[in-house]
């Protein structure tokens, strides 16, 4: 699973595809959830990147 971090929140998706102008986010049925232009995308992270366990990220 992935998390698209946007200026006003975040979206979760199962997969994504990059294009010339942005990223297409898909659910587990490969249905399009959203198109996010690159200028609105702050980060695209895996769930592993957001799990901190016993360590904290500052």
PDB file of N, CA and C in Angstrom:
ATOM      1  N   UNK A   1       0.848  -1.172   0.000  1.00  0.00           N
ATOM      2  CA  UNK A   1       0.000   0.000   0.000  1.00  0.00           C
ATOM      3  C   UNK A   1       0.895   1.236   0.000  1.00  0.00           C
ATOM      4  N   UNK A   2       0.383   2.291  -0.625  1.00  0.00           N
ATOM      5  CA  UNK A   2       1.115   3.549  -0.741  1.00  0.00           C
ATOM      6  C   UNK A   2       0.281   4.680  -0.156  1.00  0.00           C
ATOM      7  N   UNK A   3       0.974   5.751   0.227  1.00  0.00           N
ATOM      8  CA  UNK A   3       0.317   6.968   0.707  1.00  0.00           C
ATOM      9  C   UNK A   3       0.831   8.138  -0.120  1.00  0.00           C
ATOM     10  N   UNK A   4      -0.102   8.834  -0.734  1.00  0.00           N
ATOM     11  CA  UNK A   4       0.221  10.057  -1.456  1.00  0.00           C
ATOM     12  C   UNK A   4      -0.017  11.213  -0.494  1.00  0.00           C
ATOM     13  N   UNK A   5       1.041  11.941  -0.190  1.00  0.00           N
ATOM     14  CA  UNK A   5       0.946  13.065   0.734  1.00  0.00           C
ATOM     15  C   UNK A   5       0.712  14.332  -0.087  1.00  0.00           C
ATOM     16  N   UNK A   6      -0.388  15.003   0.235  1.00  0.00           N
ATOM     17  CA  UNK A   6      -0.807  16.208  -0.470  1.00  0.00           C
ATOM     18  C   UNK A   6      -0.782  17.387   0.494  1.00  0.00           C
ATOM     19  N   UNK A   7      -0.814  18.614  -0.011  1.00  0.00           N
ATOM     20  CA  UNK A   7      -0.796  19.777   0.884  1.00  0.00           C
ATOM     21  C   UNK A   7      -1.942  19.794   1.893  1.00  0.00           C
ATOM     22  N   UNK A   8      -3.099  19.234   1.531  1.00  0.00           N
ATOM     23  CA  UNK A   8      -4.261  19.299   2.429  1.00  0.00           C
ATOM     24  C   UNK A   8      -4.693  17.934   2.954  1.00  0.00           C
ATOM     25  N   UNK A   9      -3.819  16.926   2.900  1.00  0.00           N
ATOM     26  CA  UNK A   9      -4.168  15.603   3.414  1.00  0.00           C
ATOM     27  C   UNK A   9      -3.385  14.509   2.726  1.00  0.00           C
ATOM     28  N   UNK A  10      -3.937  13.306   2.757  1.00  0.00           N
ATOM     29  CA  UNK A  10      -3.271  12.179   2.131  1.00  0.00           C
ATOM     30  C   UNK A  10      -4.299  11.210   1.564  1.00  0.00           C
ATOM     31  N   UNK A  11      -3.864  10.430   0.585  1.00  0.00           N
ATOM     32  CA  UNK A  11      -4.695   9.403  -0.034  1.00  0.00           C
ATOM     33  C   UNK A  11      -3.949   8.082   0.042  1.00  0.00           C
ATOM     34  N   UNK A  12      -4.669   6.999   0.303  1.00  0.00           N
ATOM     35  CA  UNK A  12      -4.068   5.673   0.301  1.00  0.00           C
ATOM     36  C   UNK A  12      -4.443   4.976  -0.997  1.00  0.00           C
ATOM     37  N   UNK A  13      -3.487   4.231  -1.557  1.00  0.00           N
ATOM     38  CA  UNK A  13      -3.750   3.489  -2.775  1.00  0.00           C
ATOM     39  C   UNK A  13      -2.953   2.189  -2.768  1.00  0.00           C
ATOM     40  N   UNK A  14      -3.372   1.271  -3.609  1.00  0.00           N
ATOM     41  CA  UNK A  14      -2.704  -0.024  -3.706  1.00  0.00           C
ATOM     42  C   UNK A  14      -1.578   0.017  -4.732  1.00  0.00           C
ATOM     43  N   UNK A  15      -1.757   0.810  -5.790  1.00  0.00           N
ATOM     44  CA  UNK A  15      -0.727   0.945  -6.814  1.00  0.00           C
ATOM     45  C   UNK A  15      -0.823   2.324  -7.436  1.00  0.00           C
ATOM     46  N   UNK A  16       0.175   2.664  -8.251  1.00  0.00           N
ATOM     47  CA  UNK A  16       0.183   3.962  -8.915  1.00  0.00           C
ATOM     48  C   UNK A  16       0.924   3.854 -10.239  1.00  0.00           C
ATOM     49  N   UNK A  17       0.665   4.822 -11.100  1.00  0.00           N
ATOM     50  CA  UNK A  17       1.373   4.935 -12.380  1.00  0.00           C
ATOM     51  C   UNK A  17       1.771   6.387 -12.552  1.00  0.00           C
ATOM     52  N   UNK A  18       2.994   6.582 -12.986  1.00  0.00           N
ATOM     53  CA  UNK A  18       3.463   7.945 -13.221  1.00  0.00           C
ATOM     54  C   UNK A  18       3.233   8.318 -14.681  1.00  0.00           C
ATOM     55  N   UNK A  19       3.013   9.591 -14.906  1.00  0.00           N
ATOM     56  CA  UNK A  19       2.813  10.112 -16.250  1.00  0.00           C
ATOM     57  C   UNK A  19       3.612  11.383 -16.436  1.00  0.00           C
ATOM     58  N   UNK A  20       3.385  12.049 -17.535  1.00  0.00           N
ATOM     59  CA  UNK A  20       4.117  13.280 -17.823  1.00  0.00           C
ATOM     60  C   UNK A  20       3.736  14.420 -16.883  1.00  0.00           C
ATOM     61  N   UNK A  21       2.484  14.430 -16.425  1.00  0.00           N
ATOM     62  CA  UNK A  21       1.988  15.576 -15.655  1.00  0.00           C
ATOM     63  C   UNK A  21       1.588  15.247 -14.225  1.00  0.00           C
ATOM     64  N   UNK A  22       1.614  13.953 -13.854  1.00  0.00           N
ATOM     65  CA  UNK A  22       1.210  13.597 -12.503  1.00  0.00           C
ATOM     66  C   UNK A  22       1.164  12.103 -12.292  1.00  0.00           C
ATOM     67  N   UNK A  23       0.544  11.708 -11.192  1.00  0.00           N
ATOM     68  CA  UNK A  23       0.472  10.315 -10.775  1.00  0.00           C
ATOM     69  C   UNK A  23      -0.990   9.877 -10.733  1.00  0.00           C
ATOM     70  N   UNK A  24      -1.269   8.698 -11.280  1.00  0.00           N
ATOM     71  CA  UNK A  24      -2.598   8.095 -11.178  1.00  0.00           C
ATOM     72  C   UNK A  24      -2.562   7.089 -10.047  1.00  0.00           C
ATOM     73  N   UNK A  25      -3.500   7.191  -9.123  1.00  0.00           N
ATOM     74  CA  UNK A  25      -3.571   6.311  -7.962  1.00  0.00           C
ATOM     75  C   UNK A  25      -4.707   5.309  -8.167  1.00  0.00           C
ATOM     76  N   UNK A  26      -4.438   4.013  -7.857  1.00  0.00           N
ATOM     77  CA  UNK A  26      -5.404   2.940  -8.089  1.00  0.00           C
ATOM     78  C   UNK A  26      -5.672   2.147  -6.811  1.00  0.00           C
ATOM     79  N   UNK A  27      -6.900   1.611  -6.706  1.00  0.00           N
ATOM     80  CA  UNK A  27      -7.239   0.739  -5.584  1.00  0.00           C
ATOM     81  C   UNK A  27      -6.833  -0.696  -5.917  1.00  0.00           C
ATOM     82  N   UNK A  28      -7.174  -1.651  -5.047  1.00  0.00           N
ATOM     83  CA  UNK A  28      -6.751  -3.038  -5.246  1.00  0.00           C
ATOM     84  C   UNK A  28      -7.474  -3.720  -6.396  1.00  0.00           C
ATOM     85  N   UNK A  29      -8.558  -3.130  -6.915  1.00  0.00           N
ATOM     86  CA  UNK A  29      -9.252  -3.640  -8.096  1.00  0.00           C
ATOM     87  C   UNK A  29      -8.760  -2.956  -9.373  1.00  0.00           C
ATOM     88  N   UNK A  30      -7.679  -2.187  -9.264  1.00  0.00           N
ATOM     89  CA  UNK A  30      -7.102  -1.426 -10.378  1.00  0.00           C
ATOM     90  C   UNK A  30      -8.052  -0.374 -10.942  1.00  0.00           C
ATOM     91  N   UNK A  31      -8.950   0.124 -10.078  1.00  0.00           N
ATOM     92  CA  UNK A  31      -9.818   1.228 -10.470  1.00  0.00           C
ATOM     93  C   UNK A  31      -9.158   2.539 -10.060  1.00  0.00           C
ATOM     94  N   UNK A  32      -9.262   3.522 -10.931  1.00  0.00           N
ATOM     95  CA  UNK A  32      -8.655   4.821 -10.689  1.00  0.00           C
ATOM     96  C   UNK A  32      -9.308   5.511  -9.494  1.00  0.00           C
ATOM     97  N   UNK A  33      -8.498   5.878  -8.520  1.00  0.00           N
ATOM     98  CA  UNK A  33      -8.980   6.629  -7.359  1.00  0.00           C
ATOM     99  C   UNK A  33      -8.843   8.130  -7.588  1.00  0.00           C
ATOM    100  N   UNK A  34      -7.678   8.522  -8.116  1.00  0.00           N
ATOM    101  CA  UNK A  34      -7.418   9.948  -8.284  1.00  0.00           C
ATOM    102  C   UNK A  34      -6.243  10.168  -9.217  1.00  0.00           C
ATOM    103  N   UNK A  35      -6.240  11.329  -9.839  1.00  0.00           N
ATOM    104  CA  UNK A  35      -5.072  11.817 -10.558  1.00  0.00           C
ATOM    105  C   UNK A  35      -4.522  12.972  -9.758  1.00  0.00           C
ATOM    106  N   UNK A  36      -3.223  12.934  -9.441  1.00  0.00           N
ATOM    107  CA  UNK A  36      -2.597  13.989  -8.652  1.00  0.00           C
ATOM    108  C   UNK A  36      -1.494  14.631  -9.486  1.00  0.00           C
ATOM    109  N   UNK A  37      -1.637  15.907  -9.847  1.00  0.00           N
ATOM    110  CA  UNK A  37      -0.569  16.595 -10.573  1.00  0.00           C
ATOM    111  C   UNK A  37       0.693  16.665  -9.706  1.00  0.00           C
ATOM    112  N   UNK A  38       1.851  16.598 -10.349  1.00  0.00           N
ATOM    113  CA  UNK A  38       3.113  16.615  -9.595  1.00  0.00           C
ATOM    114  C   UNK A  38       3.244  17.839  -8.694  1.00  0.00           C
ATOM    115  N   UNK A  39       2.717  18.985  -9.125  1.00  0.00           N
ATOM    116  CA  UNK A  39       2.853  20.195  -8.301  1.00  0.00           C
ATOM    117  C   UNK A  39       2.046  20.109  -7.008  1.00  0.00           C
ATOM    118  N   UNK A  40       1.092  19.168  -6.917  1.00  0.00           N
ATOM    119  CA  UNK A  40       0.310  18.972  -5.691  1.00  0.00           C
ATOM    120  C   UNK A  40       0.767  17.773  -4.874  1.00  0.00           C
ATOM    121  N   UNK A  41       1.743  17.037  -5.351  1.00  0.00           N
ATOM    122  CA  UNK A  41       2.224  15.839  -4.669  1.00  0.00           C
ATOM    123  C   UNK A  41       3.468  16.174  -3.860  1.00  0.00           C
ATOM    124  N   UNK A  42       3.357  16.072  -2.538  1.00  0.00           N
ATOM    125  CA  UNK A  42       4.508  16.339  -1.681  1.00  0.00           C
ATOM    126  C   UNK A  42       5.380  15.102  -1.518  1.00  0.00           C
ATOM    127  N   UNK A  43       4.762  13.910  -1.451  1.00  0.00           N
ATOM    128  CA  UNK A  43       5.506  12.657  -1.305  1.00  0.00           C
ATOM    129  C   UNK A  43       4.610  11.491  -1.669  1.00  0.00           C
ATOM    130  N   UNK A  44       5.240  10.393  -2.087  1.00  0.00           N
ATOM    131  CA  UNK A  44       4.551   9.133  -2.326  1.00  0.00           C
ATOM    132  C   UNK A  44       5.343   8.077  -1.573  1.00  0.00           C
ATOM    133  N   UNK A  45       4.751   7.547  -0.502  1.00  0.00           N
ATOM    134  CA  UNK A  45       5.457   6.673   0.425  1.00  0.00           C
ATOM    135  C   UNK A  45       4.828   5.288   0.492  1.00  0.00           C
ATOM    136  N   UNK A  46       5.635   4.294   0.810  1.00  0.00           N
ATOM    137  CA  UNK A  46       5.096   2.973   1.121  1.00  0.00           C
ATOM    138  C   UNK A  46       4.675   2.965   2.579  1.00  0.00           C
ATOM    139  N   UNK A  47       3.851   2.005   2.965  1.00  0.00           N
ATOM    140  CA  UNK A  47       3.469   1.887   4.374  1.00  0.00           C
ATOM    141  C   UNK A  47       4.685   1.661   5.254  1.00  0.00           C
ATOM    142  N   UNK A  48       5.681   0.937   4.752  1.00  0.00           N
ATOM    143  CA  UNK A  48       6.889   0.679   5.539  1.00  0.00           C
ATOM    144  C   UNK A  48       7.609   1.983   5.884  1.00  0.00           C
ATOM    145  N   UNK A  49       7.532   2.961   5.016  1.00  0.00           N
ATOM    146  CA  UNK A  49       8.194   4.244   5.262  1.00  0.00           C
ATOM    147  C   UNK A  49       7.507   5.027   6.369  1.00  0.00           C
ATOM    148  N   UNK A  50       6.220   4.774   6.599  1.00  0.00           N
ATOM    149  CA  UNK A  50       5.490   5.520   7.616  1.00  0.00           C
ATOM    150  C   UNK A  50       5.415   4.791   8.949  1.00  0.00           C
ATOM    151  N   UNK A  51       5.854   3.514   8.988  1.00  0.00           N
ATOM    152  CA  UNK A  51       5.879   2.773  10.250  1.00  0.00           C
ATOM    153  C   UNK A  51       7.159   3.122  10.986  1.00  0.00           C
ATOM    154  N   UNK A  52       7.005   3.597  12.224  1.00  0.00           N
ATOM    155  CA  UNK A  52       8.189   4.007  12.974  1.00  0.00           C
ATOM    156  C   UNK A  52       8.586   3.007  14.041  1.00  0.00           C
ATOM    157  N   UNK A  53       7.695   2.100  14.394  1.00  0.00           N
ATOM    158  CA  UNK A  53       8.029   1.122  15.441  1.00  0.00           C
ATOM    159  C   UNK A  53       8.397   1.814  16.724  1.00  0.00           C
ATOM    160  N   UNK A  54       9.548   1.466  17.314  1.00  0.00           N
ATOM    161  CA  UNK A  54       9.974   2.057  18.582  1.00  0.00           C
ATOM    162  C   UNK A  54      10.796   3.308  18.364  1.00  0.00           C
ATOM    163  N   UNK A  55      11.114   3.623  17.115  1.00  0.00           N
ATOM    164  CA  UNK A  55      11.882   4.825  16.831  1.00  0.00           C
ATOM    165  C   UNK A  55      10.939   5.959  16.453  1.00  0.00           C
ATOM    166  N   UNK A  56      11.336   7.173  16.718  1.00  0.00           N
ATOM    167  CA  UNK A  56      10.536   8.309  16.300  1.00  0.00           C
ATOM    168  C   UNK A  56      11.270   9.042  15.184  1.00  0.00           C
ATOM    169  N   UNK A  57      10.495   9.634  14.315  1.00  0.00           N
ATOM    170  CA  UNK A  57      11.054  10.372  13.197  1.00  0.00           C
ATOM    171  C   UNK A  57      10.767  11.845  13.431  1.00  0.00           C
ATOM    172  N   UNK A  58      11.789  12.649  13.366  1.00  0.00           N
ATOM    173  CA  UNK A  58      11.621  14.091  13.563  1.00  0.00           C
ATOM    174  C   UNK A  58      12.127  14.836  12.377  1.00  0.00           C
TER     175      UNK A  58
END
